């Protein structure tokens, strides 16, 4: 949290988003923003996931599950 703290001169320049506007933005995003992955992105994620499963199966036996794939997809859509 310290690295995010504003210094003295930066505090005067920082203008936070008012809570009512943040709520409106989130409501708008939930209703109208529906990210979709392109076919190329799906292929890259699929290849990475399969490679990750293969590597971890051989190293220490820690399973890589579809939960990790779902997390990768959420991160890619958020980007």
N, C-alpha and C. Protein backbone atom coordinates (compact mmCIF):
# COMPACT_ATOMS: atom_id res chain seq x y z
N UNK A 1 0.82 -1.19 0.00
CA UNK A 1 0.00 0.00 0.00
C UNK A 1 0.87 1.26 0.00
N UNK A 2 2.06 1.16 0.55
CA UNK A 2 2.94 2.34 0.59
C UNK A 2 3.31 2.82 -0.80
N UNK A 3 3.53 1.90 -1.71
CA UNK A 3 3.95 2.31 -3.04
C UNK A 3 2.83 3.04 -3.78
N UNK A 4 1.60 2.87 -3.33
CA UNK A 4 0.47 3.56 -3.96
C UNK A 4 0.14 4.89 -3.28
N UNK A 5 0.77 5.17 -2.16
CA UNK A 5 0.49 6.40 -1.45
C UNK A 5 0.98 7.60 -2.26
N UNK A 6 0.19 8.67 -2.22
CA UNK A 6 0.53 9.88 -2.96
C UNK A 6 1.46 10.75 -2.14
N UNK A 7 2.45 11.34 -2.81
CA UNK A 7 3.34 12.26 -2.12
C UNK A 7 2.64 13.60 -1.96
N UNK A 8 3.25 14.52 -1.25
CA UNK A 8 2.65 15.82 -0.97
C UNK A 8 2.19 16.57 -2.20
N UNK A 9 3.05 16.71 -3.20
CA UNK A 9 2.67 17.48 -4.38
C UNK A 9 1.68 16.74 -5.27
N UNK A 10 1.70 15.41 -5.25
CA UNK A 10 0.77 14.63 -6.07
C UNK A 10 -0.65 14.66 -5.51
N UNK A 11 -0.79 14.89 -4.23
CA UNK A 11 -2.13 14.88 -3.63
C UNK A 11 -3.00 15.99 -4.21
N UNK A 12 -2.41 17.12 -4.50
CA UNK A 12 -3.18 18.21 -5.07
C UNK A 12 -3.62 17.94 -6.50
N UNK A 13 -2.89 17.09 -7.22
CA UNK A 13 -3.22 16.78 -8.60
C UNK A 13 -4.20 15.63 -8.74
N UNK A 14 -4.33 14.83 -7.69
CA UNK A 14 -5.17 13.64 -7.73
C UNK A 14 -6.63 14.02 -7.52
N UNK A 15 -7.47 13.64 -8.47
CA UNK A 15 -8.90 13.92 -8.37
C UNK A 15 -9.63 12.58 -8.49
N UNK A 16 -10.00 11.97 -7.35
CA UNK A 16 -10.64 10.64 -7.41
C UNK A 16 -12.00 10.71 -8.08
N UNK A 17 -12.40 9.59 -8.64
CA UNK A 17 -13.71 9.47 -9.27
C UNK A 17 -14.77 9.45 -8.18
N UNK A 18 -15.79 10.32 -8.27
CA UNK A 18 -16.84 10.32 -7.24
C UNK A 18 -17.56 8.97 -7.19
N UNK A 19 -17.95 8.53 -6.00
CA UNK A 19 -18.58 7.22 -5.86
C UNK A 19 -19.81 7.03 -6.74
N UNK A 20 -20.64 8.06 -6.90
CA UNK A 20 -21.85 7.91 -7.72
C UNK A 20 -21.48 7.65 -9.18
N UNK A 21 -20.42 8.30 -9.66
CA UNK A 21 -19.98 8.10 -11.03
C UNK A 21 -19.36 6.71 -11.21
N UNK A 22 -18.63 6.24 -10.21
CA UNK A 22 -18.06 4.89 -10.26
C UNK A 22 -19.17 3.85 -10.32
N UNK A 23 -20.24 4.02 -9.54
CA UNK A 23 -21.37 3.09 -9.57
C UNK A 23 -22.04 3.09 -10.95
N UNK A 24 -22.20 4.29 -11.54
CA UNK A 24 -22.79 4.37 -12.87
C UNK A 24 -21.92 3.67 -13.91
N UNK A 25 -20.61 3.85 -13.80
CA UNK A 25 -19.68 3.23 -14.74
C UNK A 25 -19.75 1.70 -14.63
N UNK A 26 -19.76 1.19 -13.41
CA UNK A 26 -19.82 -0.26 -13.21
C UNK A 26 -21.14 -0.82 -13.73
N UNK A 27 -22.24 -0.12 -13.48
CA UNK A 27 -23.54 -0.56 -13.99
C UNK A 27 -23.55 -0.58 -15.52
N UNK A 28 -22.98 0.46 -16.13
CA UNK A 28 -22.90 0.52 -17.59
C UNK A 28 -22.07 -0.64 -18.12
N UNK A 29 -20.91 -0.87 -17.51
CA UNK A 29 -20.02 -1.94 -17.97
C UNK A 29 -20.69 -3.30 -17.86
N UNK A 30 -21.41 -3.53 -16.79
CA UNK A 30 -22.10 -4.82 -16.63
C UNK A 30 -23.16 -5.03 -17.71
N UNK A 31 -23.82 -3.96 -18.11
CA UNK A 31 -24.90 -4.07 -19.10
C UNK A 31 -24.41 -4.11 -20.55
N UNK A 32 -23.34 -3.39 -20.85
CA UNK A 32 -22.98 -3.18 -22.25
C UNK A 32 -21.61 -3.72 -22.68
N UNK A 33 -20.75 -4.06 -21.75
CA UNK A 33 -19.42 -4.52 -22.11
C UNK A 33 -19.35 -6.04 -21.95
N UNK A 34 -19.16 -6.73 -23.05
CA UNK A 34 -19.08 -8.19 -23.05
C UNK A 34 -17.89 -8.60 -23.90
N UNK A 35 -16.70 -8.65 -23.29
CA UNK A 35 -15.50 -8.96 -24.07
C UNK A 35 -15.54 -10.38 -24.63
N UNK A 36 -15.01 -10.52 -25.83
CA UNK A 36 -14.93 -11.81 -26.48
C UNK A 36 -13.50 -12.02 -26.97
N UNK A 37 -13.05 -13.25 -26.88
CA UNK A 37 -11.70 -13.57 -27.36
C UNK A 37 -11.76 -13.90 -28.85
N UNK A 38 -10.75 -13.46 -29.58
CA UNK A 38 -10.65 -13.83 -30.99
C UNK A 38 -10.22 -15.29 -31.09
N UNK A 39 -10.36 -15.85 -32.26
CA UNK A 39 -9.93 -17.24 -32.47
C UNK A 39 -8.43 -17.39 -32.23
N UNK A 40 -7.64 -16.40 -32.65
CA UNK A 40 -6.19 -16.46 -32.44
C UNK A 40 -5.87 -16.45 -30.94
N UNK A 41 -6.58 -15.62 -30.19
CA UNK A 41 -6.36 -15.57 -28.74
C UNK A 41 -6.73 -16.88 -28.07
N UNK A 42 -7.82 -17.47 -28.52
CA UNK A 42 -8.24 -18.77 -27.97
C UNK A 42 -7.17 -19.83 -28.23
N UNK A 43 -6.59 -19.78 -29.43
CA UNK A 43 -5.55 -20.75 -29.79
C UNK A 43 -4.31 -20.57 -28.91
N UNK A 44 -3.91 -19.31 -28.69
CA UNK A 44 -2.74 -19.03 -27.86
C UNK A 44 -2.98 -19.51 -26.44
N UNK A 45 -4.15 -19.21 -25.87
CA UNK A 45 -4.46 -19.66 -24.51
C UNK A 45 -4.51 -21.18 -24.42
N UNK A 46 -5.10 -21.81 -25.41
CA UNK A 46 -5.18 -23.27 -25.43
C UNK A 46 -3.79 -23.90 -25.47
N UNK A 47 -2.94 -23.39 -26.35
CA UNK A 47 -1.58 -23.92 -26.45
C UNK A 47 -0.81 -23.72 -25.14
N UNK A 48 -0.94 -22.53 -24.55
CA UNK A 48 -0.25 -22.24 -23.29
C UNK A 48 -0.73 -23.16 -22.18
N UNK A 49 -2.04 -23.36 -22.10
CA UNK A 49 -2.62 -24.21 -21.07
C UNK A 49 -2.14 -25.66 -21.22
N UNK A 50 -2.16 -26.17 -22.44
CA UNK A 50 -1.70 -27.55 -22.66
C UNK A 50 -0.22 -27.70 -22.35
N UNK A 51 0.58 -26.71 -22.73
CA UNK A 51 2.01 -26.74 -22.41
C UNK A 51 2.23 -26.71 -20.90
N UNK A 52 1.47 -25.87 -20.21
CA UNK A 52 1.57 -25.76 -18.76
C UNK A 52 1.21 -27.08 -18.09
N UNK A 53 0.15 -27.73 -18.56
CA UNK A 53 -0.26 -29.02 -18.00
C UNK A 53 0.83 -30.07 -18.20
N UNK A 54 1.41 -30.09 -19.39
CA UNK A 54 2.46 -31.07 -19.69
C UNK A 54 3.69 -30.85 -18.83
N UNK A 55 4.12 -29.60 -18.70
CA UNK A 55 5.32 -29.30 -17.91
C UNK A 55 5.12 -29.62 -16.43
N UNK A 56 3.98 -29.26 -15.88
CA UNK A 56 3.77 -29.49 -14.45
C UNK A 56 3.46 -30.94 -14.13
N UNK A 57 3.00 -31.67 -15.09
CA UNK A 57 2.75 -33.09 -14.86
C UNK A 57 4.08 -33.81 -14.65
N UNK A 58 5.11 -33.38 -15.35
CA UNK A 58 6.42 -34.04 -15.27
C UNK A 58 7.26 -33.56 -14.10
N UNK A 59 7.11 -32.30 -13.68
CA UNK A 59 8.00 -31.73 -12.68
C UNK A 59 7.67 -32.18 -11.26
N UNK A 60 6.55 -31.77 -10.74
CA UNK A 60 6.27 -32.06 -9.33
C UNK A 60 4.91 -32.69 -9.09
N UNK A 61 4.17 -32.96 -10.12
CA UNK A 61 2.89 -33.62 -9.95
C UNK A 61 1.75 -32.71 -9.55
N UNK A 62 2.00 -31.39 -9.44
CA UNK A 62 0.93 -30.46 -9.11
C UNK A 62 -0.01 -30.36 -10.31
N UNK A 63 -1.27 -30.67 -10.12
CA UNK A 63 -2.17 -30.65 -11.27
C UNK A 63 -2.54 -29.22 -11.69
N UNK A 64 -2.59 -29.01 -12.98
CA UNK A 64 -3.09 -27.76 -13.54
C UNK A 64 -4.50 -28.08 -14.03
N UNK A 65 -5.48 -27.41 -13.47
CA UNK A 65 -6.87 -27.75 -13.75
C UNK A 65 -7.51 -26.72 -14.67
N UNK A 66 -8.76 -26.99 -15.03
CA UNK A 66 -9.50 -26.04 -15.86
C UNK A 66 -9.74 -24.73 -15.13
N UNK A 67 -9.62 -24.75 -13.83
CA UNK A 67 -9.77 -23.51 -13.06
C UNK A 67 -8.69 -22.50 -13.45
N UNK A 68 -7.46 -22.99 -13.67
CA UNK A 68 -6.39 -22.10 -14.12
C UNK A 68 -6.67 -21.58 -15.52
N UNK A 69 -7.24 -22.43 -16.37
CA UNK A 69 -7.59 -21.99 -17.72
C UNK A 69 -8.66 -20.90 -17.66
N UNK A 70 -9.66 -21.09 -16.83
CA UNK A 70 -10.71 -20.08 -16.68
C UNK A 70 -10.14 -18.77 -16.17
N UNK A 71 -9.19 -18.83 -15.27
CA UNK A 71 -8.53 -17.62 -14.77
C UNK A 71 -7.76 -16.93 -15.87
N UNK A 72 -7.05 -17.69 -16.69
CA UNK A 72 -6.32 -17.11 -17.82
C UNK A 72 -7.29 -16.41 -18.79
N UNK A 73 -8.43 -17.02 -19.03
CA UNK A 73 -9.41 -16.42 -19.93
C UNK A 73 -9.94 -15.11 -19.36
N UNK A 74 -10.25 -15.10 -18.06
CA UNK A 74 -10.74 -13.86 -17.44
C UNK A 74 -9.70 -12.76 -17.51
N UNK A 75 -8.43 -13.10 -17.28
CA UNK A 75 -7.37 -12.11 -17.37
C UNK A 75 -7.22 -11.58 -18.79
N UNK A 76 -7.30 -12.48 -19.76
CA UNK A 76 -7.17 -12.06 -21.16
C UNK A 76 -8.34 -11.16 -21.58
N UNK A 77 -9.54 -11.46 -21.12
CA UNK A 77 -10.69 -10.63 -21.46
C UNK A 77 -10.60 -9.26 -20.79
N UNK A 78 -10.06 -9.22 -19.61
CA UNK A 78 -9.93 -7.95 -18.88
C UNK A 78 -8.89 -7.05 -19.52
N UNK A 79 -7.94 -7.64 -20.17
CA UNK A 79 -6.86 -6.88 -20.78
C UNK A 79 -7.41 -6.13 -21.94
